[in-house]
Protein backbone atom coordinates (compact mmCIF):
# COMPACT_ATOMS: atom_id res chain seq x y z
CA MET A 1 111.70 189.45 -83.19
CA SER A 2 113.39 187.12 -85.59
CA ALA A 3 116.36 184.77 -85.53
CA GLN A 4 118.82 183.76 -88.22
CA GLY A 5 120.62 180.46 -88.28
CA GLY A 6 119.59 177.57 -86.10
CA THR A 7 116.62 175.33 -86.80
CA ALA A 8 113.06 176.67 -86.72
CA PRO A 9 110.77 176.91 -84.89
CA PHE A 10 112.18 179.37 -82.38
CA THR A 11 110.93 180.28 -78.92
CA TYR A 12 111.69 183.51 -77.10
CA SER A 13 111.88 184.21 -73.37
CA PHE A 14 113.09 186.93 -71.03
CA VAL A 15 116.16 186.13 -68.95
CA ALA A 16 117.45 187.89 -65.86
CA ASP A 17 120.34 190.30 -66.28
CA ASP A 18 121.10 192.98 -63.69
CA THR A 19 122.32 195.40 -66.36
CA ASN A 20 120.43 194.63 -69.57
CA GLY A 21 117.24 192.98 -68.37
CA VAL A 22 116.24 195.38 -65.65
CA ASP A 23 112.85 196.15 -67.23
CA ASN A 24 111.76 192.66 -68.36
CA ALA A 25 108.71 192.81 -66.05
CA SER A 26 107.29 195.79 -67.97
CA PHE A 27 106.85 193.62 -71.07
CA LYS A 28 105.60 190.20 -72.18
CA ILE A 29 106.50 187.99 -75.11
CA ASP A 30 103.64 186.93 -77.38
CA GLY A 31 105.01 184.55 -80.02
CA ALA A 32 107.77 186.57 -81.67
CA ASN A 33 106.49 189.94 -80.44
CA VAL A 34 107.38 191.98 -77.38
CA LYS A 35 104.30 193.71 -75.97
CA VAL A 36 103.70 196.07 -73.06
CA ASN A 37 102.27 194.51 -69.90
CA GLU A 38 99.20 196.08 -68.28
CA THR A 39 101.17 198.81 -66.48
CA PRO A 40 101.50 201.93 -68.67
CA LEU A 41 105.03 202.95 -69.62
CA THR A 42 106.55 206.32 -68.84
CA GLN A 43 109.12 208.33 -70.76
CA LYS A 44 112.47 206.55 -70.45
CA ASP A 45 114.69 203.90 -72.01
CA TYR A 46 113.65 200.36 -71.00
CA LYS A 47 116.20 197.53 -71.11
CA ILE A 48 115.22 193.94 -71.82
CA ASN A 49 117.22 190.73 -72.18
CA VAL A 50 115.80 188.04 -74.49
CA LYS A 51 116.91 184.45 -75.10
CA VAL A 52 115.98 182.64 -78.31
CA THR A 53 115.97 178.85 -78.39
CA ASP A 54 115.78 176.82 -81.59
CA SER A 55 114.16 173.40 -82.02
CA LYS A 56 117.51 171.67 -81.38
CA GLY A 57 117.98 173.42 -78.02
CA LYS A 58 120.63 175.88 -79.18
CA THR A 59 120.30 179.31 -77.57
CA PHE A 60 121.38 182.88 -78.10
CA THR A 61 120.80 185.77 -75.71
CA ASN A 62 120.69 189.43 -76.69
CA HIS A 63 119.55 192.64 -75.09
CA ALA A 64 117.59 195.54 -76.47
CA THR A 65 116.67 199.04 -75.42
CA ILE A 66 113.11 200.25 -75.99
CA SER A 67 112.85 204.04 -75.95
CA VAL A 68 109.53 205.58 -74.95
CA ALA A 69 109.03 209.23 -75.90
CA ALA A 70 107.01 211.75 -73.92
CA ALA A 71 103.28 211.74 -74.53
CA GLU A 72 102.08 214.59 -76.72
């Protein structure tokens, strides 16, 4: 992940959202990277909701969809 504007450094965290953050628990944030938790993913679209905070305490929240294709 990356952020534009604000004042570096940035921190990232998952935030609850009943529509866009329904799959936050399937992932973890490592620095500026979203990684899969220990539980394997299955074929589907996963929705996460991420908040970025800059060094001055300003925040922005955005959601993303991570599509997982069928295993071949």
